[in-house]
Amino acid sequence: MRTKITGTGMYVPDRVVTNDDLAQWMDTSDEWIQQRTGILERRWIGPDQQPADLAERACRQALDAAGLEPNDIDCILLGTLSSQADFPGTSFFLQHKLGLEDTPCMDVRAQCSGFLYMLQLADALIRAGTHRKMLVVGCEVHSTGLDISTRGRDVTVIFGDGSGAVVLEASEEEGDAPGILEVRIHSQGEHAKRLWVEAPGSGISPSRLTHEMIDDGRVFPHMEGRFVFKHAVTRMPEVLLETLDAASLKIEDVDLFLFHQANLRINEFVAGKLEIPEDKLFNNIMSYGNCSAAAIPMLLHETQANGMLTPGKLVSMTAFGAGFSWASAVARW
């Protein structure tokens, strides 16, 4: 038994926010943002949109591609760091929007590595025979939780809203048939406060949220950029090579490398370190910014649509994010 991806989908809001737009609200410029991140624009939700709305659009597209209906799905996994409510998880709102009654669902919180964490979990469940058809989706709405001022500039310019989804199915094909070959995941909670949103949280007492926390900006993301960069460009090559080795593969065997879209400069550094040729890479951060758990499934959808990812090709997917968390997977398409 192995697990194969049979459908992909993605959705981003219609509203385009350019670097010049951000420059109207904070002390920044298109040149400053491009130099540090490679981002040109990102998508932010409109006033009537919620995370589950984005997730539903991506999921229905993935289901259509797989030739399935929502009722065919045995289980839903949803990765996010921007939950629609404190509880329950966004996956429950998505499950209802898909018209499902008692299909199990759950949220996975592994931030930017969330999709790959879910991929390992889904693969294990399918191989174990617990489920045969699963929906794995990453969904993020960052825009409503950002400090849109010069104080929050370093983080705010990075993030966008979006959703990506894949359908996973059990397969009994053997040999070089399509399927997930290996997934490796890691974390290091020692650095949890290097990239985090402190409040509101149940670890704060006697009140999870106060006016003072809001005024101090503790409700917005904070990042030690240089520290994060240093660890990302170390951990990503490590876990990528670890995963390929577990699958008895080498760098040159891989046809396409997809890196989490946090910062184009990180991806360029990692690609250079591993001597990966440019024609085996694809980035979309320029258009969408960092969509966290949605980034890699969005890449899968776009590379399939543009002809870079075709049947038989080997694809490597690698991510690093808050937690710290990092992960890599390799699959045959």
Protein backbone atom coordinates (compact mmCIF):
# COMPACT_ATOMS: atom_id res chain seq x y z
CA MET A 1 0.00 0.00 0.00
CA ARG A 2 1.22 3.49 -0.81
CA THR A 3 -0.25 6.99 -0.88
CA LYS A 4 -0.58 9.01 -4.07
CA ILE A 5 -1.74 12.55 -4.78
CA THR A 6 -4.67 12.38 -7.19
CA GLY A 7 -5.84 16.01 -7.22
CA THR A 8 -4.60 19.51 -6.41
CA GLY A 9 -6.31 22.85 -5.93
CA MET A 10 -5.64 26.38 -4.75
CA TYR A 11 -7.45 29.63 -4.14
CA VAL A 12 -6.27 33.16 -3.39
CA PRO A 13 -8.47 36.20 -2.77
CA ASP A 14 -9.07 38.72 -5.56
CA ARG A 15 -7.62 41.67 -3.64
CA VAL A 16 -4.03 42.39 -4.73
CA VAL A 17 -1.85 44.35 -2.28
CA THR A 18 1.33 45.65 -3.90
CA ASN A 19 4.50 46.85 -2.26
CA ASP A 20 3.53 50.38 -3.27
CA ASP A 21 0.24 49.93 -1.43
CA LEU A 22 2.13 49.01 1.75
CA ALA A 23 4.37 52.05 1.30
CA GLN A 24 1.29 54.23 1.80
CA TRP A 25 0.75 52.78 5.29
CA MET A 26 4.31 52.35 6.59
CA ASP A 27 7.88 53.53 6.05
CA THR A 28 8.90 51.12 3.30
CA SER A 29 9.29 50.93 -0.48
CA ASP A 30 8.97 48.48 -3.32
CA GLU A 31 12.77 48.34 -3.61
CA TRP A 32 13.24 47.70 0.14
CA ILE A 33 10.75 44.81 0.15
CA GLN A 34 12.03 43.22 -3.05
CA GLN A 35 15.65 43.32 -1.92
CA ARG A 36 14.90 41.58 1.37
CA THR A 37 12.13 39.16 0.39
CA GLY A 38 11.69 38.98 -3.38
CA ILE A 39 7.98 39.77 -2.97
CA LEU A 40 6.19 42.04 -5.45
CA GLU A 41 2.61 41.64 -4.24
CA ARG A 42 0.35 39.47 -2.11
CA ARG A 43 -3.37 38.67 -1.83
CA TRP A 44 -5.53 39.72 1.12
CA ILE A 45 -9.12 38.72 1.83
CA GLY A 46 -12.11 40.95 1.29
CA PRO A 47 -14.50 42.04 4.08
CA ASP A 48 -16.86 39.07 3.71
CA GLN A 49 -14.28 36.27 3.45
CA GLN A 50 -13.13 33.85 6.14
CA PRO A 51 -10.46 31.12 6.17
CA ALA A 52 -12.94 28.28 5.55
CA ASP A 53 -14.17 30.10 2.42
CA LEU A 54 -10.66 29.97 0.94
CA ALA A 55 -10.19 26.36 2.00
CA GLU A 56 -13.48 25.28 0.46
CA ARG A 57 -12.56 26.73 -2.94
CA ALA A 58 -9.19 24.97 -2.97
CA CYS A 59 -10.69 21.67 -1.78
CA ARG A 60 -13.45 21.60 -4.36
CA GLN A 61 -10.90 22.21 -7.11
CA ALA A 62 -8.73 19.36 -5.80
CA LEU A 63 -11.75 17.05 -5.54
CA ASP A 64 -12.80 17.86 -9.11
CA ALA A 65 -9.28 17.08 -10.34
CA ALA A 66 -9.42 13.71 -8.55
CA GLY A 67 -12.89 12.96 -9.89
CA LEU A 68 -14.35 12.77 -6.39
CA GLU A 69 -17.17 14.29 -4.37
CA PRO A 70 -16.82 15.53 -0.78
CA ASN A 71 -18.72 12.47 0.48
CA ASP A 72 -15.99 10.22 -0.94
CA ILE A 73 -13.47 11.60 1.57
CA ASP A 74 -12.73 9.58 4.73
CA CYS A 75 -10.91 12.29 6.70
CA ILE A 76 -9.86 15.95 6.47
CA LEU A 77 -6.59 17.39 7.78
CA LEU A 78 -6.18 21.17 7.77
CA GLY A 79 -2.95 22.99 8.57
CA THR A 80 -3.03 26.61 9.69
CA LEU A 81 -1.44 29.13 12.05
CA SER A 82 -4.30 31.61 11.54
CA SER A 83 -7.33 29.72 12.83
CA GLN A 84 -10.79 31.05 12.04
CA ALA A 85 -11.70 30.90 15.75
CA ASP A 86 -9.90 30.17 19.01
CA PHE A 87 -11.84 26.90 18.94
CA PRO A 88 -13.02 24.78 17.24
CA GLY A 89 -10.45 24.43 14.48
CA THR A 90 -10.94 25.77 10.96
CA SER A 91 -11.33 22.20 9.67
CA PHE A 92 -14.77 21.97 11.31
CA PHE A 93 -16.03 25.06 9.51
CA LEU A 94 -14.61 23.64 6.27
CA GLN A 95 -16.24 20.26 6.85
CA HIS A 96 -19.63 21.95 7.19
CA LYS A 97 -19.09 24.07 4.07
CA LEU A 98 -18.36 20.90 2.10
CA GLY A 99 -21.79 19.60 3.12
CA LEU A 100 -20.44 16.73 5.20
CA GLU A 101 -22.19 15.31 8.26
CA ASP A 102 -19.81 13.21 10.34
CA THR A 103 -16.59 12.97 8.33
CA PRO A 104 -13.69 13.28 10.82
CA CYS A 105 -11.53 16.37 10.60
CA MET A 106 -8.80 18.04 12.58
CA ASP A 107 -6.40 20.98 12.53
CA VAL A 108 -2.63 20.53 12.54
CA ARG A 109 -0.55 23.39 13.95
CA ALA A 110 2.99 23.09 12.64
CA GLN A 111 3.02 26.53 11.02
CA CYS A 112 4.92 26.77 7.72
CA SER A 113 5.85 23.07 7.90
CA GLY A 114 2.22 22.13 8.49
CA PHE A 115 1.50 20.67 5.07
CA LEU A 116 4.44 18.26 5.25
CA TYR A 117 3.56 17.26 8.82
CA MET A 118 0.05 16.45 7.58
CA LEU A 119 1.44 14.58 4.60
CA GLN A 120 3.35 12.24 6.91
CA LEU A 121 0.30 11.71 9.12
CA ALA A 122 -2.03 11.09 6.16
CA ASP A 123 0.46 8.72 4.56
CA ALA A 124 0.69 6.71 7.79
CA LEU A 125 -3.11 6.51 8.13
CA ILE A 126 -3.54 5.37 4.54
CA ARG A 127 -0.73 2.80 4.75
CA ALA A 128 -2.26 1.48 7.96
CA GLY A 129 -5.59 1.01 6.19
CA THR A 130 -7.45 3.40 8.50
CA HIS A 131 -8.48 5.64 5.59
CA ARG A 132 -8.33 5.34 1.80
CA LYS A 133 -9.22 8.86 0.60
CA MET A 134 -8.07 11.94 2.48
CA LEU A 135 -8.23 15.69 1.95
CA VAL A 136 -5.15 17.61 3.10
CA VAL A 137 -5.42 21.40 3.00
CA GLY A 138 -3.37 24.38 4.11
CA CYS A 139 -5.28 27.59 4.69
CA GLU A 140 -4.10 30.97 5.96
CA VAL A 141 -5.60 34.42 6.52
CA HIS A 142 -2.73 36.50 7.84
CA SER A 143 -3.91 39.93 6.74
CA THR A 144 -6.39 40.49 9.57
CA GLY A 145 -3.70 39.88 12.21
CA LEU A 146 -0.85 42.06 10.96
CA ASP A 147 0.52 45.32 12.34
CA ILE A 148 0.03 47.55 9.30
CA SER A 149 2.41 50.25 10.50
CA THR A 150 6.14 50.93 10.44
CA ARG A 151 6.45 49.11 13.78
CA GLY A 152 5.31 45.86 12.16
CA ARG A 153 6.95 46.39 8.78
CA ASP A 154 9.50 43.56 8.87
CA VAL A 155 6.80 40.91 9.30
CA THR A 156 3.79 42.50 7.63
CA VAL A 157 5.39 42.83 4.19
CA ILE A 158 5.99 39.07 4.06
CA PHE A 159 2.54 37.57 4.54
CA GLY A 160 -0.37 36.86 2.21
CA ASP A 161 -3.66 34.99 2.35
CA GLY A 162 -4.39 31.80 0.43
CA SER A 163 -5.25 28.13 0.46
CA GLY A 164 -3.95 24.99 -1.22
CA ALA A 165 -5.29 21.44 -1.10
CA VAL A 166 -4.50 17.92 -2.27
CA VAL A 167 -6.48 14.70 -2.41
CA LEU A 168 -4.57 11.63 -1.23
CA GLU A 169 -5.67 8.10 -2.13
CA ALA A 170 -4.53 4.59 -1.32
CA SER A 171 -2.80 2.80 -4.18
CA GLU A 172 -1.64 -0.76 -4.55
CA GLU A 173 0.52 -0.06 -7.60
CA GLU A 174 4.12 -1.21 -7.30
CA GLY A 175 7.54 -0.30 -8.74
CA ASP A 176 7.90 3.25 -10.02
CA ALA A 177 4.20 4.03 -9.58
CA PRO A 178 3.09 7.44 -8.26
CA GLY A 179 3.18 7.91 -4.52
CA ILE A 180 4.79 9.47 -1.45
CA LEU A 181 8.20 7.88 -0.99
CA GLU A 182 9.49 9.44 2.23
CA VAL A 183 8.67 12.23 4.69
CA ARG A 184 10.90 13.47 7.52
CA ILE A 185 9.85 16.02 10.15
CA HIS A 186 11.69 17.83 12.96
CA SER A 187 11.12 20.55 15.55
CA GLN A 188 13.05 22.60 18.12
CA GLY A 189 10.85 24.28 20.73
CA GLU A 190 13.88 25.99 22.23
CA HIS A 191 13.39 28.73 19.64
CA ALA A 192 9.58 29.03 19.87
CA LYS A 193 9.72 32.69 20.89
CA ARG A 194 11.99 33.70 18.02
CA LEU A 195 8.95 33.72 15.71
CA TRP A 196 5.57 33.87 17.40
CA VAL A 197 2.37 35.71 18.34
CA GLU A 198 2.28 35.95 22.14
CA ALA A 199 -1.28 37.09 22.82
CA PRO A 200 -4.04 36.24 23.29
CA GLY A 201 -3.07 32.92 24.84
CA SER A 202 -4.02 30.68 27.75
CA GLY A 203 -0.43 30.87 28.97
CA ILE A 204 -1.05 34.48 29.98
CA SER A 205 -2.82 35.13 33.29
CA PRO A 206 -4.98 36.40 34.81
CA SER A 207 -6.34 37.57 31.44
CA ARG A 208 -5.49 36.27 27.97
CA LEU A 209 -5.93 39.71 26.43
CA THR A 210 -5.70 43.26 27.73
CA HIS A 211 -5.67 46.72 26.18
CA GLU A 212 -2.02 46.96 27.21
CA MET A 213 -1.13 43.87 25.17
CA ILE A 214 -2.83 45.39 22.14
CA ASP A 215 -1.08 48.75 22.61
CA ASP A 216 2.30 47.01 23.05
CA GLY A 217 1.83 45.03 19.84
CA ARG A 218 1.97 41.66 21.59
CA VAL A 219 -1.04 40.54 19.52
CA PHE A 220 1.00 40.79 16.30
CA PRO A 221 3.67 38.43 14.90
CA HIS A 222 7.23 39.06 16.05
CA MET A 223 10.26 37.63 14.32
CA GLU A 224 14.00 37.69 14.85
CA GLY A 225 14.66 37.78 11.13
CA ARG A 226 18.40 37.11 11.00
CA PHE A 227 18.15 34.26 13.50
CA VAL A 228 15.31 32.65 11.53
CA PHE A 229 17.20 33.06 8.25
CA LYS A 230 20.33 31.42 9.67
CA HIS A 231 18.44 28.38 10.94
CA ALA A 232 16.29 28.03 7.81
CA VAL A 233 19.27 27.85 5.45
CA THR A 234 20.88 25.23 7.74
CA ARG A 235 17.90 23.00 8.50
CA MET A 236 16.32 22.93 5.05
CA PRO A 237 19.32 21.36 3.25
CA GLU A 238 19.80 18.94 6.16
CA VAL A 239 16.27 17.56 6.10
CA LEU A 240 16.08 17.54 2.30
CA LEU A 241 19.18 15.36 2.07
CA GLU A 242 18.01 13.19 4.97
CA THR A 243 14.73 12.49 3.16
CA LEU A 244 16.38 11.73 -0.17
CA ASP A 245 18.81 9.38 1.55
CA ALA A 246 15.92 7.55 3.23
CA ALA A 247 14.40 7.06 -0.23
CA SER A 248 17.79 5.94 -1.69
CA LEU A 249 17.84 8.98 -3.96
CA LYS A 250 20.36 11.68 -4.80
CA ILE A 251 19.96 15.38 -5.62
CA GLU A 252 20.41 14.71 -9.33
CA ASP A 253 17.54 12.16 -9.32
CA VAL A 254 14.98 14.83 -8.43
CA ASP A 255 13.14 16.60 -11.26
CA LEU A 256 11.56 19.45 -9.28
CA PHE A 257 12.37 21.13 -5.96
CA LEU A 258 9.64 23.07 -4.13
CA PHE A 259 10.68 25.13 -1.10
CA HIS A 260 8.37 26.82 1.36
CA GLN A 261 7.69 30.38 0.23
CA ALA A 262 8.80 32.44 3.24
CA ASN A 263 11.57 34.47 1.65
CA LEU A 264 12.99 34.19 -1.86
CA ARG A 265 16.48 34.91 -0.48
CA ILE A 266 16.28 31.81 1.76
CA ASN A 267 15.30 29.65 -1.20
CA GLU A 268 18.07 31.08 -3.38
CA PHE A 269 20.63 30.42 -0.62
CA VAL A 270 19.47 26.81 -0.13
CA ALA A 271 19.41 26.12 -3.88
CA GLY A 272 22.93 27.52 -4.22
CA LYS A 273 24.20 25.49 -1.28
CA LEU A 274 22.86 22.27 -2.82
CA GLU A 275 23.86 23.28 -6.37
CA ILE A 276 20.32 22.81 -7.66
CA PRO A 277 19.93 24.08 -11.26
CA GLU A 278 17.46 26.91 -11.78
CA ASP A 279 15.32 24.90 -14.21
CA LYS A 280 14.46 22.47 -11.39
CA LEU A 281 13.09 25.21 -9.12
CA PHE A 282 9.78 27.05 -8.95
CA ASN A 283 8.83 29.96 -6.68
CA ASN A 284 5.60 31.93 -6.48
CA ILE A 285 6.32 34.11 -3.43
CA MET A 286 6.69 37.08 -5.79
CA SER A 287 2.93 37.02 -6.41
CA TYR A 288 1.46 35.62 -3.18
CA GLY A 289 3.87 36.32 -0.32
CA ASN A 290 4.19 33.78 2.49
CA CYS A 291 1.00 31.73 2.77
CA SER A 292 2.48 29.46 5.48
CA ALA A 293 0.78 26.03 5.55
CA ALA A 294 -0.82 26.72 2.15
CA ALA A 295 2.44 27.48 0.33
CA ILE A 296 3.55 24.00 -0.76
CA PRO A 297 0.13 22.71 -1.92
CA MET A 298 -0.21 25.96 -3.89
CA LEU A 299 3.17 25.24 -5.50
CA LEU A 300 2.07 21.70 -6.36
CA HIS A 301 -1.05 23.01 -8.06
CA GLU A 302 0.74 25.69 -10.04
CA THR A 303 3.59 23.45 -11.22
CA GLN A 304 1.11 20.83 -12.37
CA ALA A 305 -0.87 23.50 -14.21
CA ASN A 306 2.20 25.01 -15.92
CA GLY A 307 3.58 21.63 -17.04
CA MET A 308 6.62 21.48 -14.75
CA LEU A 309 5.16 18.60 -12.74
CA THR A 310 4.10 15.74 -15.00
CA PRO A 311 3.48 12.01 -14.43
CA GLY A 312 6.59 10.06 -13.47
CA LYS A 313 8.59 13.03 -12.18
CA LEU A 314 10.18 13.08 -8.75
CA VAL A 315 9.32 16.13 -6.65
CA SER A 316 11.05 17.21 -3.43
CA MET A 317 9.18 19.49 -0.99
CA THR A 318 10.93 21.20 1.93
CA ALA A 319 9.79 23.71 4.56
CA PHE A 320 10.96 25.59 7.64
CA GLY A 321 8.83 27.62 10.00
CA ALA A 322 7.92 28.80 13.46
CA GLY A 323 8.30 26.42 16.34
CA PHE A 324 10.95 25.96 15.02
CA SER A 325 9.68 23.23 12.70
CA TRP A 326 11.19 21.85 9.50
CA ALA A 327 10.32 18.98 7.18
CA SER A 328 10.84 17.45 3.76
CA ALA A 329 9.04 14.97 1.55
CA VAL A 330 9.79 13.30 -1.77
CA ALA A 331 7.11 11.86 -4.04
CA ARG A 332 6.76 10.42 -7.51
CA TRP A 333 4.03 12.20 -9.43
